[in-house]
Amino acid sequence: MAGTLPLSLVVITRDAAKDLAECLASAAFASELVVVDAGSRDDTVEIARRSGARVSVEAWRGFGPQKNFAVGTAANDWVLCLDADERVTPGLEGAIRAAFASGAPAAPAYAVARRNRFLGRWLAHGEGYPDWNVRLFDRRRARWTDDPVHERVVADGAVVRLAGDLLHASAESIEDYVAKQNRYTTLQAEAMHGRGERAGLLRLSLSPLARFLRFYVLKLGFLDGAAGFSHIAIGAFSSFLKYAKLRALHARADGS
């Protein structure tokens, strides 16, 4: 497939040197590559520039605000937002090209099926696949939420699903993955506390169980073996941790 499309690839980074070049190369069909870096200490910025990306450096604002800032710097209204450890497959590229075949795509936003790699295995069920995420959108009709973590795209209209996979080729260790979940659950609990949400005993106990049953049983996560079980078990524990931290924040506030 030849020729670039009138869209900007947008990637936010921090210390992403080991992943970024392959990410940018997988979306070479974009007419513009945009990287917004939050102060990397490795070669991320140099790699981005060598790959032909336009780079800017911006202090960290939180995931949602950082992505909205990055989208705002793009030259095109249509943007494809990726993380540095994600790769566009040829099948997904073909679906994106098809969406632009008759000019500007009709829908305001498009979701892609993200396939996650965990403990060295490409997951095919449970929370690992298809992990639908909106990544291609018209910034005039869609935007990232301002959530500091687990941000998502909201659109003015129906979201259409694209064929083809987006590969989440994470190679982080189990220690790094668990540490990331610990950081994320802290941010989630703080955001929920700020909105005045509370977590009673039922929510604290049943939410992790419901998440495990949904993805391990109903979504066939058990077919992914030990990697699938580990992925979903950590996800269920993260649900518990989020609400436990929320209760701790309220206890601290109520006692002050």
Protein backbone atom coordinates (compact mmCIF):
# COMPACT_ATOMS: atom_id res chain seq x y z
CA MET A 1 0.00 0.00 0.00
CA ALA A 2 1.48 3.33 -1.07
CA GLY A 3 0.86 6.94 -0.13
CA THR A 4 0.22 8.70 3.14
CA LEU A 5 -3.14 9.57 4.63
CA PRO A 6 -4.25 13.01 5.88
CA LEU A 7 -3.95 12.08 9.52
CA SER A 8 -1.43 12.62 12.30
CA LEU A 9 0.03 9.85 14.40
CA VAL A 10 0.19 11.16 17.99
CA VAL A 11 2.31 9.48 20.69
CA ILE A 12 3.04 10.70 24.21
CA THR A 13 6.30 9.39 25.65
CA ARG A 14 8.60 9.20 28.62
CA ASP A 15 11.63 6.88 28.55
CA ALA A 16 10.28 4.93 25.58
CA ALA A 17 13.52 4.46 23.64
CA LYS A 18 13.24 0.68 23.37
CA ASP A 19 9.78 0.79 21.76
CA LEU A 20 9.28 4.04 19.91
CA ALA A 21 11.00 3.45 16.56
CA GLU A 22 8.96 0.34 15.83
CA CYS A 23 5.75 2.09 16.87
CA LEU A 24 6.36 5.02 14.51
CA ALA A 25 7.41 2.73 11.66
CA SER A 26 4.18 0.75 11.96
CA ALA A 27 2.15 3.88 11.18
CA ALA A 28 4.29 5.29 8.39
CA PHE A 29 1.09 5.77 6.39
CA ALA A 30 0.32 8.87 8.50
CA SER A 31 1.31 12.13 6.83
CA GLU A 32 2.59 13.50 10.14
CA LEU A 33 4.26 11.89 13.16
CA VAL A 34 3.86 13.81 16.43
CA VAL A 35 5.67 12.93 19.65
CA VAL A 36 5.12 14.84 22.89
CA ASP A 37 7.72 13.86 25.45
CA ALA A 38 7.46 14.38 29.20
CA GLY A 39 11.15 14.66 30.00
CA SER A 40 12.71 11.35 28.96
CA ARG A 41 16.09 10.48 30.42
CA ASP A 42 16.95 8.04 27.61
CA ASP A 43 17.21 8.45 23.82
CA THR A 44 13.45 8.77 23.19
CA VAL A 45 13.62 12.30 21.75
CA GLU A 46 16.57 11.53 19.48
CA ILE A 47 14.90 8.36 18.19
CA ALA A 48 11.67 10.24 17.50
CA ARG A 49 13.49 12.88 15.49
CA ARG A 50 15.50 10.32 13.53
CA SER A 51 12.20 8.61 12.69
CA GLY A 52 10.88 11.83 11.18
CA ALA A 53 8.60 12.87 14.02
CA ARG A 54 7.95 16.43 15.10
CA VAL A 55 8.88 16.49 18.77
CA SER A 56 7.84 18.80 21.57
CA VAL A 57 8.59 18.53 25.28
CA GLU A 58 5.81 19.13 27.78
CA ALA A 59 5.75 18.66 31.55
CA TRP A 60 3.53 15.77 32.61
CA ARG A 61 -0.14 16.72 33.06
CA GLY A 62 -1.74 13.30 33.60
CA PHE A 63 -2.67 10.85 30.84
CA GLY A 64 -5.87 12.48 29.60
CA PRO A 65 -4.66 16.10 29.67
CA GLN A 66 -1.29 15.12 28.15
CA LYS A 67 -2.98 13.33 25.25
CA ASN A 68 -5.37 16.24 24.65
CA PHE A 69 -2.40 18.61 24.56
CA ALA A 70 -0.59 16.35 22.10
CA VAL A 71 -3.66 16.04 19.85
CA GLY A 72 -3.93 19.83 19.85
CA THR A 73 -0.43 20.17 18.40
CA ALA A 74 -1.20 18.00 15.34
CA ALA A 75 -1.41 19.54 11.89
CA ASN A 76 -4.34 17.31 10.85
CA ASP A 77 -7.78 17.12 12.42
CA TRP A 78 -7.79 13.34 12.03
CA VAL A 79 -5.45 11.73 14.57
CA LEU A 80 -4.34 8.20 15.38
CA CYS A 81 -3.23 7.99 19.02
CA LEU A 82 -0.87 5.19 20.01
CA ASP A 83 1.24 4.28 23.01
CA ALA A 84 4.93 3.74 22.31
CA ASP A 85 4.66 -0.02 22.87
CA GLU A 86 1.80 -0.46 20.37
CA ARG A 87 2.07 -1.53 16.73
CA VAL A 88 -0.36 -1.17 13.82
CA THR A 89 -0.75 -4.48 11.98
CA PRO A 90 -1.07 -4.60 8.16
CA GLY A 91 -4.71 -5.63 8.60
CA LEU A 92 -5.46 -2.55 10.70
CA GLU A 93 -3.59 -0.31 8.26
CA GLY A 94 -5.77 -1.68 5.48
CA ALA A 95 -8.94 -0.93 7.47
CA ILE A 96 -7.76 2.63 8.18
CA ARG A 97 -6.96 3.18 4.52
CA ALA A 98 -10.42 1.87 3.60
CA ALA A 99 -12.00 4.39 5.98
CA PHE A 100 -10.23 7.19 4.08
CA ALA A 101 -10.88 5.73 0.63
CA SER A 102 -13.69 8.16 -0.21
CA GLY A 103 -12.24 11.18 1.54
CA ALA A 104 -12.73 12.01 5.20
CA PRO A 105 -14.17 9.11 7.21
CA ALA A 106 -17.87 9.35 7.97
CA ALA A 107 -17.85 8.47 11.68
CA PRO A 108 -16.37 10.84 14.28
CA ALA A 109 -14.28 8.07 15.84
CA TYR A 110 -13.15 4.48 15.30
CA ALA A 111 -12.33 1.75 17.80
CA VAL A 112 -9.63 -0.85 17.26
CA ALA A 113 -9.16 -4.32 18.75
CA ARG A 114 -6.03 -4.21 20.88
CA ARG A 115 -4.26 -7.51 21.48
CA ASN A 116 -2.16 -7.61 24.62
CA ARG A 117 1.00 -9.59 25.24
CA PHE A 118 1.44 -10.77 28.81
CA LEU A 119 4.13 -13.01 30.30
CA GLY A 120 5.40 -13.62 26.77
CA ARG A 121 2.06 -14.79 25.37
CA TRP A 122 -0.33 -13.03 23.00
CA LEU A 123 -3.66 -13.20 24.79
CA ALA A 124 -6.72 -14.14 22.75
CA HIS A 125 -9.50 -13.92 25.34
CA GLY A 126 -10.55 -12.31 28.62
CA GLU A 127 -9.35 -8.74 29.15
CA GLY A 128 -6.46 -9.32 26.75
CA TYR A 129 -8.40 -9.50 23.47
CA PRO A 130 -10.34 -7.95 21.90
CA ASP A 131 -9.55 -4.97 24.11
CA TRP A 132 -11.56 -2.37 22.18
CA ASN A 133 -10.12 1.15 22.32
CA VAL A 134 -10.98 4.31 20.39
CA ARG A 135 -7.72 5.47 18.82
CA LEU A 136 -8.63 7.01 15.45
CA PHE A 137 -10.82 10.11 15.58
CA ASP A 138 -11.63 13.58 14.27
CA ARG A 139 -10.51 15.95 17.01
CA ARG A 140 -13.28 18.37 16.04
CA ARG A 141 -15.85 15.74 17.06
CA ALA A 142 -14.05 13.69 19.70
CA ARG A 143 -11.52 14.15 22.50
CA TRP A 144 -9.77 12.40 25.34
CA THR A 145 -11.33 12.70 28.78
CA ASP A 146 -9.29 14.57 31.38
CA ASP A 147 -8.92 11.51 33.62
CA PRO A 148 -5.39 11.26 35.05
CA VAL A 149 -5.44 7.49 34.35
CA HIS A 150 -7.67 5.12 32.33
CA GLU A 151 -8.55 8.01 30.06
CA ARG A 152 -10.84 7.32 27.11
CA VAL A 153 -12.08 9.04 23.97
CA VAL A 154 -15.60 10.50 23.96
CA ALA A 155 -17.18 11.28 20.59
CA ASP A 156 -20.06 13.36 19.28
CA GLY A 157 -21.77 10.43 17.57
CA ALA A 158 -21.54 6.70 17.10
CA VAL A 159 -18.15 4.99 17.26
CA VAL A 160 -17.42 2.45 14.49
CA ARG A 161 -15.22 -0.61 14.96
CA LEU A 162 -12.37 -1.27 12.52
CA ALA A 163 -11.09 -4.66 11.37
CA GLY A 164 -7.49 -5.60 12.11
CA ASP A 165 -5.51 -5.65 15.34
CA LEU A 166 -3.46 -3.16 17.29
CA LEU A 167 -0.66 -5.07 19.00
CA HIS A 168 0.23 -4.03 22.55
CA ALA A 169 3.73 -5.48 22.58
CA SER A 170 4.52 -4.78 26.21
CA ALA A 171 7.71 -6.45 27.40
CA GLU A 172 7.60 -5.13 30.97
CA SER A 173 8.39 -7.51 33.80
CA ILE A 174 5.73 -8.79 36.17
CA GLU A 175 7.29 -6.57 38.85
CA ASP A 176 6.93 -3.48 36.66
CA TYR A 177 3.39 -4.43 35.68
CA VAL A 178 2.28 -4.83 39.30
CA ALA A 179 4.01 -1.57 40.25
CA LYS A 180 2.15 0.19 37.44
CA GLN A 181 -1.18 -1.19 38.67
CA ASN A 182 -0.32 0.08 42.14
CA ARG A 183 0.30 3.59 40.77
CA TYR A 184 -2.84 3.52 38.63
CA THR A 185 -5.12 2.38 41.46
CA THR A 186 -3.81 5.22 43.62
CA LEU A 187 -4.69 7.74 40.90
CA GLN A 188 -8.11 6.15 40.40
CA ALA A 189 -8.88 6.20 44.12
CA GLU A 190 -7.85 9.84 44.37
CA ALA A 191 -10.07 10.77 41.42
CA MET A 192 -13.04 8.87 42.89
CA HIS A 193 -12.49 10.48 46.27
CA GLY A 194 -12.47 13.89 44.60
CA ARG A 195 -15.86 13.11 43.06
CA GLY A 196 -17.26 12.13 46.45
CA GLU A 197 -17.58 8.41 45.66
CA ARG A 198 -17.48 5.82 48.43
CA ALA A 199 -16.82 2.08 48.57
CA GLY A 200 -18.92 -0.01 50.91
CA LEU A 201 -18.22 -3.58 51.88
CA LEU A 202 -20.28 -5.00 49.01
CA ARG A 203 -18.44 -2.94 46.39
CA LEU A 204 -15.11 -3.77 47.97
CA SER A 205 -15.78 -7.51 47.96
CA LEU A 206 -18.00 -8.10 44.93
CA SER A 207 -16.31 -5.88 42.33
CA PRO A 208 -13.11 -7.99 42.16
CA LEU A 209 -15.13 -11.22 42.06
CA ALA A 210 -17.42 -9.92 39.31
CA ARG A 211 -14.44 -8.79 37.24
CA PHE A 212 -12.74 -12.17 37.58
CA LEU A 213 -15.86 -14.15 36.66
CA ARG A 214 -16.65 -11.89 33.72
CA PHE A 215 -13.26 -12.13 32.07
CA TYR A 216 -12.02 -15.53 33.19
CA VAL A 217 -15.28 -17.44 32.69
CA LEU A 218 -17.69 -15.51 30.45
CA LYS A 219 -14.94 -14.03 28.23
CA LEU A 220 -13.05 -17.37 28.15
CA GLY A 221 -9.87 -16.09 29.77
CA PHE A 222 -9.17 -19.61 31.02
CA LEU A 223 -8.26 -20.55 27.44
CA ASP A 224 -5.13 -18.39 27.70
CA GLY A 225 -3.56 -20.67 30.28
CA ALA A 226 -1.39 -19.41 33.12
CA ALA A 227 -0.78 -16.06 31.41
CA GLY A 228 -4.51 -15.47 31.07
CA PHE A 229 -5.19 -16.46 34.67
CA SER A 230 -2.39 -14.19 35.94
CA HIS A 231 -3.56 -11.24 33.84
CA ILE A 232 -7.14 -11.47 35.09
CA ALA A 233 -6.17 -12.24 38.71
CA ILE A 234 -4.01 -9.10 38.84
CA GLY A 235 -6.88 -7.14 37.28
CA ALA A 236 -9.31 -8.41 39.91
CA PHE A 237 -6.88 -7.57 42.71
CA SER A 238 -6.47 -4.10 41.21
CA SER A 239 -10.23 -3.61 41.52
CA PHE A 240 -10.00 -4.53 45.20
CA LEU A 241 -6.98 -2.28 45.70
CA LYS A 242 -8.71 0.71 44.10
CA TYR A 243 -11.67 0.52 46.46
CA ALA A 244 -9.50 -0.28 49.49
CA LYS A 245 -7.48 2.86 48.78
CA LEU A 246 -10.70 4.84 48.35
CA ARG A 247 -11.89 3.66 51.78
CA ALA A 248 -8.53 4.62 53.26
CA LEU A 249 -8.78 8.14 51.81
CA HIS A 250 -12.26 8.60 53.29
CA ALA A 251 -11.13 7.21 56.64
CA ARG A 252 -8.26 9.69 56.68
CA ALA A 253 -10.55 12.57 55.72
CA ASP A 254 -13.25 11.61 58.22
CA GLY A 255 -10.70 11.35 60.99
CA SER A 256 -9.10 14.69 60.32
